[in-house]
Amino acid sequence: MSEESLDDLDRRIVHSLQQDARKTSASEIAEQAGVSASTVRNRIRNLEDADILTGYHPEVNYEAASYQLQTLIVCTAPIPDREALARKALEVPGVVAVREIMTGTENVHVEAIGSDSDDLSRIGRDLDELGLEVVDEDLIRNEYERAFHGFDVESVE
């Protein structure tokens, strides 16, 4: 299943789940789309099988959970090793997300969480020991996300 093969119902399902997967039921989506809940559940299963829906993740307020420091660590990895190093970086305690960047020298972005500066220093050292060159570290104050508009069938109609 490719993006071209997603029909309006698939896009509606993806958009609804992106907005709030935890509180959105198949029945609610079905009612909005004018189909049965079993049809929506089957479509969700097909989207998961096709690796279009790959997980359902909670949003965590780390500061409220006593982890005051959320940081973006920008690294450089040799191109041939970038993917392997990015995957290894995810294993470092405190690292919660890693993004491979396809262009430029600052090609691995690591999001890490810590309760104090010692945590962040340790994470930086661990990344360095893996072979990533830490180029920059930025504390994150807030992060905002929204559902991708391309899946919103209401805005297309």
C-alpha atoms as a PDB file:
ATOM      1  CA  MET A   1       0.000   0.000   0.000  1.00  0.00           C
ATOM      2  CA  SER A   2       1.548   3.308  -1.051  1.00  0.00           C
ATOM      3  CA  GLU A   3       0.383   6.850  -0.312  1.00  0.00           C
ATOM      4  CA  GLU A   4      -1.176   6.948  -3.788  1.00  0.00           C
ATOM      5  CA  SER A   5      -3.328   3.970  -2.815  1.00  0.00           C
ATOM      6  CA  LEU A   6      -4.709   5.668   0.296  1.00  0.00           C
ATOM      7  CA  ASP A   7      -8.323   6.566  -0.277  1.00  0.00           C
ATOM      8  CA  ASP A   8     -10.337   9.185   1.607  1.00  0.00           C
ATOM      9  CA  LEU A   9     -11.300   6.730   4.347  1.00  0.00           C
ATOM     10  CA  ASP A  10      -7.664   5.742   4.947  1.00  0.00           C
ATOM     11  CA  ARG A  11      -6.640   9.406   5.086  1.00  0.00           C
ATOM     12  CA  ARG A  12      -9.524  10.202   7.465  1.00  0.00           C
ATOM     13  CA  ILE A  13      -8.439   7.339   9.744  1.00  0.00           C
ATOM     14  CA  VAL A  14      -4.783   8.429   9.774  1.00  0.00           C
ATOM     15  CA  HIS A  15      -5.718  12.064  10.410  1.00  0.00           C
ATOM     16  CA  SER A  16      -8.089  11.147  13.255  1.00  0.00           C
ATOM     17  CA  LEU A  17      -5.484   8.934  14.912  1.00  0.00           C
ATOM     18  CA  GLN A  18      -2.798  11.606  14.534  1.00  0.00           C
ATOM     19  CA  GLN A  19      -5.023  14.076  16.339  1.00  0.00           C
ATOM     20  CA  ASP A  20      -5.674  11.814  19.325  1.00  0.00           C
ATOM     21  CA  ALA A  21      -5.223   8.053  18.919  1.00  0.00           C
ATOM     22  CA  ARG A  22      -5.977   7.306  22.539  1.00  0.00           C
ATOM     23  CA  LYS A  23      -9.390   8.942  22.660  1.00  0.00           C
ATOM     24  CA  THR A  24     -10.541   8.227  19.112  1.00  0.00           C
ATOM     25  CA  SER A  25     -12.494   5.034  18.636  1.00  0.00           C
ATOM     26  CA  ALA A  26     -13.162   3.123  15.453  1.00  0.00           C
ATOM     27  CA  SER A  27     -16.858   3.787  16.079  1.00  0.00           C
ATOM     28  CA  GLU A  28     -16.317   7.564  16.133  1.00  0.00           C
ATOM     29  CA  ILE A  29     -14.338   7.488  12.898  1.00  0.00           C
ATOM     30  CA  ALA A  30     -16.930   5.197  11.329  1.00  0.00           C
ATOM     31  CA  GLU A  31     -19.773   7.531  12.286  1.00  0.00           C
ATOM     32  CA  GLN A  32     -17.986  10.545  10.765  1.00  0.00           C
ATOM     33  CA  ALA A  33     -17.154   8.605   7.603  1.00  0.00           C
ATOM     34  CA  GLY A  34     -20.514   6.870   7.193  1.00  0.00           C
ATOM     35  CA  VAL A  35     -19.101   3.327   7.328  1.00  0.00           C
ATOM     36  CA  SER A  36     -19.187   0.507   9.867  1.00  0.00           C
ATOM     37  CA  ALA A  37     -16.800   0.305  12.818  1.00  0.00           C
ATOM     38  CA  SER A  38     -15.585  -3.088  11.561  1.00  0.00           C
ATOM     39  CA  THR A  39     -14.608  -1.465   8.254  1.00  0.00           C
ATOM     40  CA  VAL A  40     -12.539   1.112  10.158  1.00  0.00           C
ATOM     41  CA  ARG A  41     -10.911  -1.577  12.312  1.00  0.00           C
ATOM     42  CA  ASN A  42     -10.028  -3.577   9.167  1.00  0.00           C
ATOM     43  CA  ARG A  43      -8.589  -0.475   7.518  1.00  0.00           C
ATOM     44  CA  ILE A  44      -6.509   0.302  10.618  1.00  0.00           C
ATOM     45  CA  ARG A  45      -5.151  -3.253  10.577  1.00  0.00           C
ATOM     46  CA  ASN A  46      -4.295  -2.883   6.862  1.00  0.00           C
ATOM     47  CA  LEU A  47      -2.564   0.462   7.510  1.00  0.00           C
ATOM     48  CA  GLU A  48      -0.544  -1.160  10.303  1.00  0.00           C
ATOM     49  CA  ASP A  49       0.341  -4.165   8.105  1.00  0.00           C
ATOM     50  CA  ALA A  50       1.515  -1.775   5.372  1.00  0.00           C
ATOM     51  CA  ASP A  51       3.737   0.072   7.902  1.00  0.00           C
ATOM     52  CA  ILE A  52       1.818   3.310   7.361  1.00  0.00           C
ATOM     53  CA  LEU A  53       0.667   3.304  10.981  1.00  0.00           C
ATOM     54  CA  THR A  54       3.738   2.226  12.916  1.00  0.00           C
ATOM     55  CA  GLY A  55       2.830   2.968  16.513  1.00  0.00           C
ATOM     56  CA  TYR A  56       0.794   4.870  19.028  1.00  0.00           C
ATOM     57  CA  HIS A  57       2.908   6.960  21.363  1.00  0.00           C
ATOM     58  CA  PRO A  58       1.924   9.065  24.367  1.00  0.00           C
ATOM     59  CA  GLU A  59       3.016  12.673  24.618  1.00  0.00           C
ATOM     60  CA  VAL A  60       5.009  13.044  27.826  1.00  0.00           C
ATOM     61  CA  ASN A  61       5.466  16.254  29.791  1.00  0.00           C
ATOM     62  CA  TYR A  62       8.976  15.475  31.022  1.00  0.00           C
ATOM     63  CA  GLU A  63       9.174  18.597  33.173  1.00  0.00           C
ATOM     64  CA  ALA A  64       6.041  17.580  35.090  1.00  0.00           C
ATOM     65  CA  ALA A  65       7.672  14.154  35.581  1.00  0.00           C
ATOM     66  CA  SER A  66      10.707  15.837  37.233  1.00  0.00           C
ATOM     67  CA  TYR A  67      12.982  15.712  34.183  1.00  0.00           C
ATOM     68  CA  GLN A  68      13.544  19.417  33.704  1.00  0.00           C
ATOM     69  CA  LEU A  69      16.054  19.251  30.884  1.00  0.00           C
ATOM     70  CA  GLN A  70      14.989  18.304  27.388  1.00  0.00           C
ATOM     71  CA  THR A  71      17.712  18.946  24.858  1.00  0.00           C
ATOM     72  CA  LEU A  72      18.436  18.666  21.178  1.00  0.00           C
ATOM     73  CA  ILE A  73      21.971  17.430  20.578  1.00  0.00           C
ATOM     74  CA  VAL A  74      23.167  18.056  17.033  1.00  0.00           C
ATOM     75  CA  CYS A  75      25.841  15.628  15.866  1.00  0.00           C
ATOM     76  CA  THR A  76      27.952  14.860  12.839  1.00  0.00           C
ATOM     77  CA  ALA A  77      28.408  11.281  11.679  1.00  0.00           C
ATOM     78  CA  PRO A  78      30.441  10.001   8.737  1.00  0.00           C
ATOM     79  CA  ILE A  79      27.937   9.340   5.919  1.00  0.00           C
ATOM     80  CA  PRO A  80      28.733   5.603   5.606  1.00  0.00           C
ATOM     81  CA  ASP A  81      28.159   5.151   9.372  1.00  0.00           C
ATOM     82  CA  ARG A  82      25.258   7.575   9.855  1.00  0.00           C
ATOM     83  CA  GLU A  83      22.418   5.035  10.014  1.00  0.00           C
ATOM     84  CA  ALA A  84      24.263   2.602  12.285  1.00  0.00           C
ATOM     85  CA  LEU A  85      25.382   5.385  14.635  1.00  0.00           C
ATOM     86  CA  ALA A  86      21.881   6.869  14.743  1.00  0.00           C
ATOM     87  CA  ARG A  87      20.450   3.484  15.742  1.00  0.00           C
ATOM     88  CA  LYS A  88      23.152   3.015  18.409  1.00  0.00           C
ATOM     89  CA  ALA A  89      22.482   6.513  19.766  1.00  0.00           C
ATOM     90  CA  LEU A  90      18.907   5.469  20.526  1.00  0.00           C
ATOM     91  CA  GLU A  91      20.295   2.907  22.986  1.00  0.00           C
ATOM     92  CA  VAL A  92      22.007   5.577  25.138  1.00  0.00           C
ATOM     93  CA  PRO A  93      20.051   5.999  28.418  1.00  0.00           C
ATOM     94  CA  GLY A  94      18.215   9.329  28.322  1.00  0.00           C
ATOM     95  CA  VAL A  95      17.923   9.454  24.528  1.00  0.00           C
ATOM     96  CA  VAL A  96      14.258   9.430  23.465  1.00  0.00           C
ATOM     97  CA  ALA A  97      14.458  10.229  19.729  1.00  0.00           C
ATOM     98  CA  VAL A  98      17.042  10.257  16.948  1.00  0.00           C
ATOM     99  CA  ARG A  99      16.634  11.760  13.490  1.00  0.00           C
ATOM    100  CA  GLU A 100      18.926  11.116  10.552  1.00  0.00           C
ATOM    101  CA  ILE A 101      19.329  14.207   8.382  1.00  0.00           C
ATOM    102  CA  MET A 102      20.010  13.566   4.697  1.00  0.00           C
ATOM    103  CA  THR A 103      21.966  16.738   3.931  1.00  0.00           C
ATOM    104  CA  GLY A 104      24.760  18.719   5.529  1.00  0.00           C
ATOM    105  CA  THR A 105      27.327  17.806   8.111  1.00  0.00           C
ATOM    106  CA  GLU A 106      25.006  18.139  11.129  1.00  0.00           C
ATOM    107  CA  ASN A 107      23.311  14.934  10.088  1.00  0.00           C
ATOM    108  CA  VAL A 108      22.155  13.273  13.321  1.00  0.00           C
ATOM    109  CA  HIS A 109      19.788  15.050  15.718  1.00  0.00           C
ATOM    110  CA  VAL A 110      19.368  13.461  19.141  1.00  0.00           C
ATOM    111  CA  GLU A 111      16.631  14.385  21.599  1.00  0.00           C
ATOM    112  CA  ALA A 112      17.602  13.594  25.174  1.00  0.00           C
ATOM    113  CA  ILE A 113      15.996  14.016  28.586  1.00  0.00           C
ATOM    114  CA  GLY A 114      17.730  14.593  31.898  1.00  0.00           C
ATOM    115  CA  SER A 115      17.053  15.756  35.416  1.00  0.00           C
ATOM    116  CA  ASP A 116      20.252  17.808  35.654  1.00  0.00           C
ATOM    117  CA  SER A 117      23.321  18.906  33.696  1.00  0.00           C
ATOM    118  CA  ASP A 118      25.239  15.807  34.799  1.00  0.00           C
ATOM    119  CA  ASP A 119      22.717  13.650  32.896  1.00  0.00           C
ATOM    120  CA  LEU A 120      23.186  15.695  29.744  1.00  0.00           C
ATOM    121  CA  SER A 121      26.985  15.646  30.074  1.00  0.00           C
ATOM    122  CA  ARG A 122      26.948  11.853  30.380  1.00  0.00           C
ATOM    123  CA  ILE A 123      24.718  11.535  27.317  1.00  0.00           C
ATOM    124  CA  GLY A 124      27.074  13.768  25.336  1.00  0.00           C
ATOM    125  CA  ARG A 125      30.063  11.654  26.381  1.00  0.00           C
ATOM    126  CA  ASP A 126      28.213   8.439  25.490  1.00  0.00           C
ATOM    127  CA  LEU A 127      27.360   9.797  22.039  1.00  0.00           C
ATOM    128  CA  ASP A 128      30.981  10.845  21.541  1.00  0.00           C
ATOM    129  CA  GLU A 129      32.181   7.356  22.515  1.00  0.00           C
ATOM    130  CA  LEU A 130      29.874   5.888  19.861  1.00  0.00           C
ATOM    131  CA  GLY A 131      31.644   7.946  17.204  1.00  0.00           C
ATOM    132  CA  LEU A 132      29.234  10.868  16.891  1.00  0.00           C
ATOM    133  CA  GLU A 133      30.779  14.326  16.994  1.00  0.00           C
ATOM    134  CA  VAL A 134      28.610  16.588  19.148  1.00  0.00           C
ATOM    135  CA  VAL A 135      28.364  19.921  17.331  1.00  0.00           C
ATOM    136  CA  ASP A 136      25.690  21.755  19.321  1.00  0.00           C
ATOM    137  CA  GLU A 137      23.332  21.293  22.265  1.00  0.00           C
ATOM    138  CA  ASP A 138      20.110  23.272  22.610  1.00  0.00           C
ATOM    139  CA  LEU A 139      17.669  23.157  25.512  1.00  0.00           C
ATOM    140  CA  ILE A 140      14.098  22.701  24.319  1.00  0.00           C
ATOM    141  CA  ARG A 141      11.506  24.813  26.083  1.00  0.00           C
ATOM    142  CA  ASN A 142       8.334  23.652  24.309  1.00  0.00           C
ATOM    143  CA  GLU A 143       7.443  21.469  21.366  1.00  0.00           C
ATOM    144  CA  TYR A 144       4.258  21.717  19.336  1.00  0.00           C
ATOM    145  CA  GLU A 145       2.846  19.120  16.962  1.00  0.00           C
ATOM    146  CA  ARG A 146      -0.247  18.694  14.869  1.00  0.00           C
ATOM    147  CA  ALA A 147      -1.749  16.171  12.506  1.00  0.00           C
ATOM    148  CA  PHE A 148      -0.435  16.351   8.917  1.00  0.00           C
ATOM    149  CA  HIS A 149      -2.902  18.354   6.811  1.00  0.00           C
ATOM    150  CA  GLY A 150      -2.443  16.037   3.807  1.00  0.00           C
ATOM    151  CA  PHE A 151      -4.522  13.381   5.571  1.00  0.00           C
ATOM    152  CA  ASP A 152      -7.363  15.794   6.430  1.00  0.00           C
ATOM    153  CA  VAL A 153     -10.091  14.897   3.936  1.00  0.00           C
ATOM    154  CA  GLU A 154     -12.288  17.701   5.306  1.00  0.00           C
ATOM    155  CA  SER A 155      -9.874  20.382   4.073  1.00  0.00           C
ATOM    156  CA  VAL A 156      -9.703  18.810   0.600  1.00  0.00           C
ATOM    157  CA  GLU A 157     -13.447  18.592   0.051  1.00  0.00           C
END
